[in-house]
PDB file of all heavy atoms in Angstrom:
ATOM      1  N   LEU A   1       1.174   6.731  13.046  1.00  0.00           N
ATOM      2  CA  LEU A   1       2.100   6.673  11.919  1.00  0.00           C
ATOM      3  C   LEU A   1       1.311   6.724  10.616  1.00  0.00           C
ATOM      4  O   LEU A   1       0.231   6.116  10.503  1.00  0.00           O
ATOM      5  CB  LEU A   1       2.927   5.379  11.955  1.00  0.00           C
ATOM      6  CG  LEU A   1       3.816   5.168  13.181  1.00  0.00           C
ATOM      7  CD1 LEU A   1       4.470   3.800  13.123  1.00  0.00           C
ATOM      8  CD2 LEU A   1       4.866   6.263  13.301  1.00  0.00           C
ATOM      9  N   TYR A   2       1.852   7.433   9.642  1.00  0.00           N
ATOM     10  CA  TYR A   2       1.168   7.537   8.358  1.00  0.00           C
ATOM     11  C   TYR A   2       1.225   6.221   7.593  1.00  0.00           C
ATOM     12  O   TYR A   2       2.268   5.558   7.515  1.00  0.00           O
ATOM     13  CB  TYR A   2       1.792   8.629   7.496  1.00  0.00           C
ATOM     14  CG  TYR A   2       1.287  10.025   7.784  1.00  0.00           C
ATOM     15  CD1 TYR A   2       2.104  10.958   8.412  1.00  0.00           C
ATOM     16  CD2 TYR A   2      -0.004  10.396   7.429  1.00  0.00           C
ATOM     17  CE1 TYR A   2       1.648  12.249   8.672  1.00  0.00           C
ATOM     18  CE2 TYR A   2      -0.467  11.684   7.689  1.00  0.00           C
ATOM     19  CZ  TYR A   2       0.352  12.602   8.306  1.00  0.00           C
ATOM     20  OH  TYR A   2      -0.112  13.869   8.564  1.00  0.00           O
ATOM     21  N   ASP A   3       0.086   5.861   7.000  1.00  0.00           N
ATOM     22  CA  ASP A   3      -0.013   4.786   6.035  1.00  0.00           C
ATOM     23  C   ASP A   3      -0.179   5.411   4.654  1.00  0.00           C
ATOM     24  O   ASP A   3      -0.359   6.629   4.519  1.00  0.00           O
ATOM     25  CB  ASP A   3      -1.196   3.872   6.373  1.00  0.00           C
ATOM     26  CG  ASP A   3      -1.178   3.426   7.828  1.00  0.00           C
ATOM     27  OD1 ASP A   3      -0.151   2.882   8.263  1.00  0.00           O
ATOM     28  OD2 ASP A   3      -2.188   3.632   8.534  1.00  0.00           O
ATOM     29  N   MET A   4      -0.136   4.599   3.606  1.00  0.00           N
ATOM     30  CA  MET A   4      -0.218   5.104   2.242  1.00  0.00           C
ATOM     31  C   MET A   4      -1.158   4.245   1.409  1.00  0.00           C
ATOM     32  O   MET A   4      -1.293   3.046   1.649  1.00  0.00           O
ATOM     33  CB  MET A   4       1.168   5.102   1.586  1.00  0.00           C
ATOM     34  CG  MET A   4       2.172   6.032   2.231  1.00  0.00           C
ATOM     35  SD  MET A   4       3.823   5.911   1.482  1.00  0.00           S
ATOM     36  CE  MET A   4       4.468   4.453   2.304  1.00  0.00           C
ATOM     37  N   PHE A   5      -1.794   4.883   0.429  1.00  0.00           N
ATOM     38  CA  PHE A   5      -2.589   4.143  -0.560  1.00  0.00           C
ATOM     39  C   PHE A   5      -2.083   4.548  -1.938  1.00  0.00           C
ATOM     40  O   PHE A   5      -1.982   5.741  -2.248  1.00  0.00           O
ATOM     41  CB  PHE A   5      -4.080   4.458  -0.435  1.00  0.00           C
ATOM     42  CG  PHE A   5      -4.963   3.463  -1.136  1.00  0.00           C
ATOM     43  CD1 PHE A   5      -5.661   2.504  -0.421  1.00  0.00           C
ATOM     44  CD2 PHE A   5      -5.091   3.464  -2.519  1.00  0.00           C
ATOM     45  CE1 PHE A   5      -6.478   1.581  -1.068  1.00  0.00           C
ATOM     46  CE2 PHE A   5      -5.894   2.551  -3.172  1.00  0.00           C
ATOM     47  CZ  PHE A   5      -6.597   1.598  -2.443  1.00  0.00           C
ATOM     48  N   VAL A   6      -1.772   3.542  -2.768  1.00  0.00           N
ATOM     49  CA  VAL A   6      -1.255   3.773  -4.119  1.00  0.00           C
ATOM     50  C   VAL A   6      -2.187   3.101  -5.119  1.00  0.00           C
ATOM     51  O   VAL A   6      -2.502   1.911  -4.986  1.00  0.00           O
ATOM     52  CB  VAL A   6       0.173   3.216  -4.278  1.00  0.00           C
ATOM     53  CG1 VAL A   6       0.689   3.464  -5.692  1.00  0.00           C
ATOM     54  CG2 VAL A   6       1.105   3.841  -3.246  1.00  0.00           C
ATOM     55  N   SER A   7      -2.636   3.869  -6.112  1.00  0.00           N
ATOM     56  CA  SER A   7      -3.482   3.321  -7.178  1.00  0.00           C
ATOM     57  C   SER A   7      -2.619   2.693  -8.269  1.00  0.00           C
ATOM     58  O   SER A   7      -1.601   3.267  -8.681  1.00  0.00           O
ATOM     59  CB  SER A   7      -4.336   4.427  -7.810  1.00  0.00           C
ATOM     60  OG  SER A   7      -5.376   4.829  -6.960  1.00  0.00           O
ATOM     61  N   ASN A   8      -3.059   1.536  -8.747  1.00  0.00           N
ATOM     62  CA  ASN A   8      -2.414   0.857  -9.871  1.00  0.00           C
ATOM     63  C   ASN A   8      -3.489   0.368 -10.838  1.00  0.00           C
ATOM     64  O   ASN A   8      -4.691   0.543 -10.592  1.00  0.00           O
ATOM     65  CB  ASN A   8      -1.574  -0.320  -9.378  1.00  0.00           C
ATOM     66  CG  ASN A   8      -0.385   0.105  -8.535  1.00  0.00           C
ATOM     67  OD1 ASN A   8       0.411   0.932  -8.959  1.00  0.00           O
ATOM     68  ND2 ASN A   8      -0.261  -0.450  -7.337  1.00  0.00           N
ATOM     69  N   ILE A   9      -3.066  -0.269 -11.932  1.00  0.00           N
ATOM     70  CA  ILE A   9      -4.032  -0.906 -12.843  1.00  0.00           C
ATOM     71  C   ILE A   9      -4.356  -2.274 -12.273  1.00  0.00           C
ATOM     72  O   ILE A   9      -3.475  -3.118 -12.117  1.00  0.00           O
ATOM     73  CB  ILE A   9      -3.465  -1.025 -14.269  1.00  0.00           C
ATOM     74  CG1 ILE A   9      -3.128   0.358 -14.818  1.00  0.00           C
ATOM     75  CG2 ILE A   9      -4.467  -1.722 -15.179  1.00  0.00           C
ATOM     76  CD1 ILE A   9      -2.565   0.334 -16.232  1.00  0.00           C
ATOM     77  N   THR A  10      -5.627  -2.502 -11.957  1.00  0.00           N
ATOM     78  CA  THR A  10      -6.003  -3.701 -11.197  1.00  0.00           C
ATOM     79  C   THR A  10      -7.248  -4.362 -11.773  1.00  0.00           C
ATOM     80  O   THR A  10      -8.087  -4.855 -11.030  1.00  0.00           O
ATOM     81  CB  THR A  10      -6.259  -3.328  -9.728  1.00  0.00           C
ATOM     82  OG1 THR A  10      -7.459  -2.535  -9.641  1.00  0.00           O
ATOM     83  CG2 THR A  10      -5.123  -2.513  -9.148  1.00  0.00           C
ATOM     84  N   THR A  11      -7.379  -4.362 -13.094  1.00  0.00           N
ATOM     85  CA  THR A  11      -8.590  -4.898 -13.718  1.00  0.00           C
ATOM     86  C   THR A  11      -8.530  -6.420 -13.783  1.00  0.00           C
ATOM     87  O   THR A  11      -7.623  -6.995 -14.401  1.00  0.00           O
ATOM     88  CB  THR A  11      -8.775  -4.326 -15.125  1.00  0.00           C
ATOM     89  OG1 THR A  11      -8.932  -2.911 -15.023  1.00  0.00           O
ATOM     90  CG2 THR A  11      -9.999  -4.917 -15.800  1.00  0.00           C
ATOM     91  N   THR A  12      -9.482  -7.065 -13.157  1.00  0.00           N
ATOM     92  CA  THR A  12      -9.534  -8.517 -13.163  1.00  0.00           C
ATOM     93  C   THR A  12      -9.653  -9.041 -14.592  1.00  0.00           C
ATOM     94  O   THR A  12     -10.509  -8.608 -15.358  1.00  0.00           O
ATOM     95  CB  THR A  12     -10.727  -9.009 -12.324  1.00  0.00           C
ATOM     96  OG1 THR A  12     -10.623  -8.448 -11.017  1.00  0.00           O
ATOM     97  CG2 THR A  12     -10.747 -10.524 -12.235  1.00  0.00           C
ATOM     98  N   PHE A  13      -8.769  -9.968 -14.937  1.00  0.00           N
ATOM     99  CA  PHE A  13      -8.681 -10.543 -16.288  1.00  0.00           C
ATOM    100  C   PHE A  13      -8.422  -9.469 -17.342  1.00  0.00           C
ATOM    101  O   PHE A  13      -8.735  -9.644 -18.504  1.00  0.00           O
ATOM    102  CB  PHE A  13      -9.924 -11.370 -16.638  1.00  0.00           C
ATOM    103  CG  PHE A  13      -9.986 -12.656 -15.856  1.00  0.00           C
ATOM    104  CD1 PHE A  13     -10.922 -12.835 -14.872  1.00  0.00           C
ATOM    105  CD2 PHE A  13      -9.071 -13.658 -16.093  1.00  0.00           C
ATOM    106  CE1 PHE A  13     -10.974 -14.013 -14.137  1.00  0.00           C
ATOM    107  CE2 PHE A  13      -9.103 -14.831 -15.375  1.00  0.00           C
ATOM    108  CZ  PHE A  13     -10.054 -15.022 -14.389  1.00  0.00           C
ATOM    109  N   GLY A  14      -7.876  -8.338 -16.936  1.00  0.00           N
ATOM    110  CA  GLY A  14      -7.396  -7.332 -17.870  1.00  0.00           C
ATOM    111  C   GLY A  14      -5.896  -7.248 -17.681  1.00  0.00           C
ATOM    112  O   GLY A  14      -5.126  -7.997 -18.272  1.00  0.00           O
ATOM    113  N   ILE A  15      -5.491  -6.345 -16.817  1.00  0.00           N
ATOM    114  CA  ILE A  15      -4.119  -6.319 -16.309  1.00  0.00           C
ATOM    115  C   ILE A  15      -4.253  -6.472 -14.803  1.00  0.00           C
ATOM    116  O   ILE A  15      -4.641  -5.551 -14.097  1.00  0.00           O
ATOM    117  CB  ILE A  15      -3.403  -5.011 -16.688  1.00  0.00           C
ATOM    118  CG1 ILE A  15      -3.282  -4.901 -18.208  1.00  0.00           C
ATOM    119  CG2 ILE A  15      -2.027  -4.950 -16.049  1.00  0.00           C
ATOM    120  CD1 ILE A  15      -2.587  -3.642 -18.689  1.00  0.00           C
ATOM    121  N   GLN A  16      -3.954  -7.679 -14.297  1.00  0.00           N
ATOM    122  CA  GLN A  16      -4.258  -8.039 -12.918  1.00  0.00           C
ATOM    123  C   GLN A  16      -3.064  -7.737 -12.021  1.00  0.00           C
ATOM    124  O   GLN A  16      -2.264  -8.595 -11.715  1.00  0.00           O
ATOM    125  CB  GLN A  16      -4.632  -9.525 -12.834  1.00  0.00           C
ATOM    126  CG  GLN A  16      -5.013  -9.988 -11.439  1.00  0.00           C
ATOM    127  CD  GLN A  16      -6.302  -9.351 -10.949  1.00  0.00           C
ATOM    128  OE1 GLN A  16      -7.285  -9.345 -11.668  1.00  0.00           O
ATOM    129  NE2 GLN A  16      -6.300  -8.836  -9.737  1.00  0.00           N
ATOM    130  N   GLU A  17      -2.941  -6.474 -11.623  1.00  0.00           N
ATOM    131  CA  GLU A  17      -1.955  -6.123 -10.616  1.00  0.00           C
ATOM    132  C   GLU A  17      -2.725  -5.963  -9.305  1.00  0.00           C
ATOM    133  O   GLU A  17      -3.633  -6.718  -9.039  1.00  0.00           O
ATOM    134  CB  GLU A  17      -1.221  -4.850 -11.043  1.00  0.00           C
ATOM    135  CG  GLU A  17      -0.429  -5.043 -12.340  1.00  0.00           C
ATOM    136  CD  GLU A  17       0.215  -3.785 -12.888  1.00  0.00           C
ATOM    137  OE1 GLU A  17      -0.063  -2.696 -12.357  1.00  0.00           O
ATOM    138  OE2 GLU A  17       0.998  -3.883 -13.849  1.00  0.00           O
ATOM    139  N   SER A  18      -2.379  -4.985  -8.490  1.00  0.00           N
ATOM    140  CA  SER A  18      -3.192  -4.688  -7.313  1.00  0.00           C
ATOM    141  C   SER A  18      -2.879  -3.275  -6.860  1.00  0.00           C
ATOM    142  O   SER A  18      -1.806  -2.741  -7.137  1.00  0.00           O
ATOM    143  CB  SER A  18      -2.931  -5.670  -6.161  1.00  0.00           C
ATOM    144  OG  SER A  18      -1.770  -5.299  -5.433  1.00  0.00           O
ATOM    145  N   ASN A  19      -3.844  -2.656  -6.176  1.00  0.00           N
ATOM    146  CA  ASN A  19      -3.531  -1.433  -5.461  1.00  0.00           C
ATOM    147  C   ASN A  19      -2.617  -1.769  -4.286  1.00  0.00           C
ATOM    148  O   ASN A  19      -2.451  -2.933  -3.910  1.00  0.00           O
ATOM    149  CB  ASN A  19      -4.815  -0.782  -4.930  1.00  0.00           C
ATOM    150  CG  ASN A  19      -5.726  -0.291  -6.034  1.00  0.00           C
ATOM    151  OD1 ASN A  19      -5.290   0.361  -6.977  1.00  0.00           O
ATOM    152  ND2 ASN A  19      -7.017  -0.596  -5.919  1.00  0.00           N
ATOM    153  N   PHE A  20      -2.026  -0.729  -3.701  1.00  0.00           N
ATOM    154  CA  PHE A  20      -1.239  -0.900  -2.484  1.00  0.00           C
ATOM    155  C   PHE A  20      -1.912  -0.142  -1.350  1.00  0.00           C
ATOM    156  O   PHE A  20      -2.128   1.062  -1.453  1.00  0.00           O
ATOM    157  CB  PHE A  20       0.174  -0.339  -2.652  1.00  0.00           C
ATOM    158  CG  PHE A  20       1.006  -1.025  -3.695  1.00  0.00           C
ATOM    159  CD1 PHE A  20       1.792  -0.279  -4.565  1.00  0.00           C
ATOM    160  CD2 PHE A  20       1.022  -2.402  -3.816  1.00  0.00           C
ATOM    161  CE1 PHE A  20       2.572  -0.891  -5.524  1.00  0.00           C
ATOM    162  CE2 PHE A  20       1.794  -3.030  -4.781  1.00  0.00           C
ATOM    163  CZ  PHE A  20       2.573  -2.269  -5.640  1.00  0.00           C
ATOM    164  N   GLN A  21      -2.263  -0.834  -0.293  1.00  0.00           N
ATOM    165  CA  GLN A  21      -2.665  -0.177   0.941  1.00  0.00           C
ATOM    166  C   GLN A  21      -1.562  -0.469   1.948  1.00  0.00           C
ATOM    167  O   GLN A  21      -1.581  -1.449   2.683  1.00  0.00           O
ATOM    168  CB  GLN A  21      -4.029  -0.664   1.436  1.00  0.00           C
ATOM    169  CG  GLN A  21      -4.602   0.199   2.551  1.00  0.00           C
ATOM    170  CD  GLN A  21      -6.079  -0.068   2.806  1.00  0.00           C
ATOM    171  OE1 GLN A  21      -6.729  -0.790   2.052  1.00  0.00           O
ATOM    172  NE2 GLN A  21      -6.627   0.521   3.863  1.00  0.00           N
ATOM    173  N   PHE A  22      -0.547   0.399   1.943  1.00  0.00           N
ATOM    174  CA  PHE A  22       0.647   0.196   2.749  1.00  0.00           C
ATOM    175  C   PHE A  22       0.378   0.632   4.192  1.00  0.00           C
ATOM    176  O   PHE A  22       0.125   1.805   4.465  1.00  0.00           O
ATOM    177  CB  PHE A  22       1.816   1.008   2.191  1.00  0.00           C
ATOM    178  CG  PHE A  22       2.429   0.441   0.934  1.00  0.00           C
ATOM    179  CD1 PHE A  22       2.491   1.197  -0.229  1.00  0.00           C
ATOM    180  CD2 PHE A  22       2.959  -0.841   0.916  1.00  0.00           C
ATOM    181  CE1 PHE A  22       3.068   0.696  -1.383  1.00  0.00           C
ATOM    182  CE2 PHE A  22       3.538  -1.361  -0.234  1.00  0.00           C
ATOM    183  CZ  PHE A  22       3.590  -0.586  -1.387  1.00  0.00           C
ATOM    184  N   ILE A  23       0.477  -0.311   5.121  1.00  0.00           N
ATOM    185  CA  ILE A  23       0.276  -0.045   6.542  1.00  0.00           C
ATOM    186  C   ILE A  23       1.642  -0.020   7.233  1.00  0.00           C
ATOM    187  O   ILE A  23       2.454  -0.930   7.052  1.00  0.00           O
ATOM    188  CB  ILE A  23      -0.626  -1.115   7.190  1.00  0.00           C
ATOM    189  CG1 ILE A  23      -1.956  -1.241   6.409  1.00  0.00           C
ATOM    190  CG2 ILE A  23      -0.869  -0.779   8.646  1.00  0.00           C
ATOM    191  CD1 ILE A  23      -2.774   0.022   6.364  1.00  0.00           C
ATOM    192  N   ALA A  24       1.900   1.023   8.014  1.00  0.00           N
ATOM    193  CA  ALA A  24       3.189   1.163   8.688  1.00  0.00           C
ATOM    194  C   ALA A  24       3.391   0.040   9.701  1.00  0.00           C
ATOM    195  O   ALA A  24       2.476  -0.313  10.449  1.00  0.00           O
ATOM    196  CB  ALA A  24       3.274   2.524   9.379  1.00  0.00           C
ATOM    197  N   THR A  25       4.607  -0.520   9.727  1.00  0.00           N
ATOM    198  CA  THR A  25       4.927  -1.620  10.643  1.00  0.00           C
ATOM    199  C   THR A  25       5.941  -1.215  11.704  1.00  0.00           C
ATOM    200  O   THR A  25       6.296  -2.043  12.550  1.00  0.00           O
ATOM    201  CB  THR A  25       5.475  -2.823   9.853  1.00  0.00           C
ATOM    202  OG1 THR A  25       6.662  -2.427   9.148  1.00  0.00           O
ATOM    203  CG2 THR A  25       4.441  -3.346   8.867  1.00  0.00           C
ATOM    204  N   ALA A  26       6.432   0.027  11.682  1.00  0.00           N
ATOM    205  CA  ALA A  26       7.399   0.474  12.689  1.00  0.00           C
ATOM    206  C   ALA A  26       6.735   0.530  14.069  1.00  0.00           C
ATOM    207  O   ALA A  26       5.517   0.694  14.190  1.00  0.00           O
ATOM    208  CB  ALA A  26       7.959   1.838  12.308  1.00  0.00           C
ATOM    209  N   LYS A  27       7.550   0.425  15.112  1.00  0.00           N
ATOM    210  CA  LYS A  27       7.030   0.448  16.475  1.00  0.00           C
ATOM    211  C   LYS A  27       6.470   1.824  16.829  1.00  0.00           C
ATOM    212  O   LYS A  27       5.442   1.939  17.495  1.00  0.00           O
ATOM    213  CB  LYS A  27       8.128   0.062  17.458  1.00  0.00           C
ATOM    214  CG  LYS A  27       8.676  -1.343  17.274  1.00  0.00           C
ATOM    215  CD  LYS A  27       9.835  -1.601  18.238  1.00  0.00           C
ATOM    216  CE  LYS A  27      10.441  -2.979  18.007  1.00  0.00           C
ATOM    217  NZ  LYS A  27      11.619  -3.207  18.887  1.00  0.00           N
ATOM    218  N   ASP A  28       7.183   2.850  16.428  1.00  0.00           N
ATOM    219  CA  ASP A  28       6.787   4.218  16.712  1.00  0.00           C
ATOM    220  C   ASP A  28       7.520   5.129  15.746  1.00  0.00           C
ATOM    221  O   ASP A  28       8.251   4.662  14.848  1.00  0.00           O
ATOM    222  CB  ASP A  28       7.082   4.603  18.165  1.00  0.00           C
ATOM    223  CG  ASP A  28       8.523   4.294  18.580  1.00  0.00           C
ATOM    224  OD1 ASP A  28       9.431   4.361  17.721  1.00  0.00           O
ATOM    225  OD2 ASP A  28       8.747   3.978  19.755  1.00  0.00           O
ATOM    226  N   GLN A  29       7.377   6.433  15.909  1.00  0.00           N
ATOM    227  CA  GLN A  29       7.982   7.362  14.961  1.00  0.00           C
ATOM    228  C   GLN A  29       9.511   7.325  15.017  1.00  0.00           C
ATOM    229  O   GLN A  29      10.178   7.456  13.987  1.00  0.00           O
ATOM    230  CB  GLN A  29       7.465   8.777  15.222  1.00  0.00           C
ATOM    231  CG  GLN A  29       7.662   9.718  14.040  1.00  0.00           C
ATOM    232  CD  GLN A  29       6.887  11.008  14.216  1.00  0.00           C
ATOM    233  OE1 GLN A  29       7.230  11.824  15.051  1.00  0.00           O
ATOM    234  NE2 GLN A  29       5.832  11.185  13.424  1.00  0.00           N
ATOM    235  N   ARG A  30      10.060   7.134  16.204  1.00  0.00           N
ATOM    236  CA  ARG A  30      11.523   7.049  16.314  1.00  0.00           C
ATOM    237  C   ARG A  30      12.051   5.835  15.564  1.00  0.00           C
ATOM    238  O   ARG A  30      13.078   5.919  14.861  1.00  0.00           O
ATOM    239  CB  ARG A  30      11.929   7.000  17.788  1.00  0.00           C
ATOM    240  CG  ARG A  30      13.440   6.951  18.007  1.00  0.00           C
ATOM    241  CD  ARG A  30      13.790   7.024  19.483  1.00  0.00           C
ATOM    242  NE  ARG A  30      13.379   8.291  20.068  1.00  0.00           N
ATOM    243  CZ  ARG A  30      13.575   8.604  21.333  1.00  0.00           C
ATOM    244  NH1 ARG A  30      14.159   7.749  22.159  1.00  0.00           N
ATOM    245  NH2 ARG A  30      13.178   9.781  21.799  1.00  0.00           N
ATOM    246  N   ASP A  31      11.382   4.703  15.702  1.00  0.00           N
ATOM    247  CA  ASP A  31      11.792   3.492  14.986  1.00  0.00           C
ATOM    248  C   ASP A  31      11.632   3.689  13.477  1.00  0.00           C
ATOM    249  O   ASP A  31      12.485   3.250  12.691  1.00  0.00           O
ATOM    250  CB  ASP A  31      10.952   2.304  15.462  1.00  0.00           C
ATOM    251  CG  ASP A  31      11.319   1.008  14.757  1.00  0.00           C
ATOM    252  OD1 ASP A  31      12.523   0.764  14.557  1.00  0.00           O
ATOM    253  OD2 ASP A  31      10.399   0.251  14.391  1.00  0.00           O
ATOM    254  N   LEU A  32      10.556   4.360  13.070  1.00  0.00           N
ATOM    255  CA  LEU A  32      10.346   4.643  11.654  1.00  0.00           C
ATOM    256  C   LEU A  32      11.489   5.499  11.107  1.00  0.00           C
ATOM    257  O   LEU A  32      12.036   5.221  10.034  1.00  0.00           O
ATOM    258  CB  LEU A  32       9.007   5.355  11.455  1.00  0.00           C
ATOM    259  CG  LEU A  32       8.688   5.854  10.043  1.00  0.00           C
ATOM    260  CD1 LEU A  32       8.608   4.694   9.076  1.00  0.00           C
ATOM    261  CD2 LEU A  32       7.389   6.640  10.033  1.00  0.00           C
TER     262      LEU A  32
END
């Protein structure tokens, strides 16, 4: 299953957000 990576502004003590490393949680492609 495909996972995704999303870039955001994540500078410590600047603008403290986070990147996203989205990992698929579906059982299989049919469930997805």
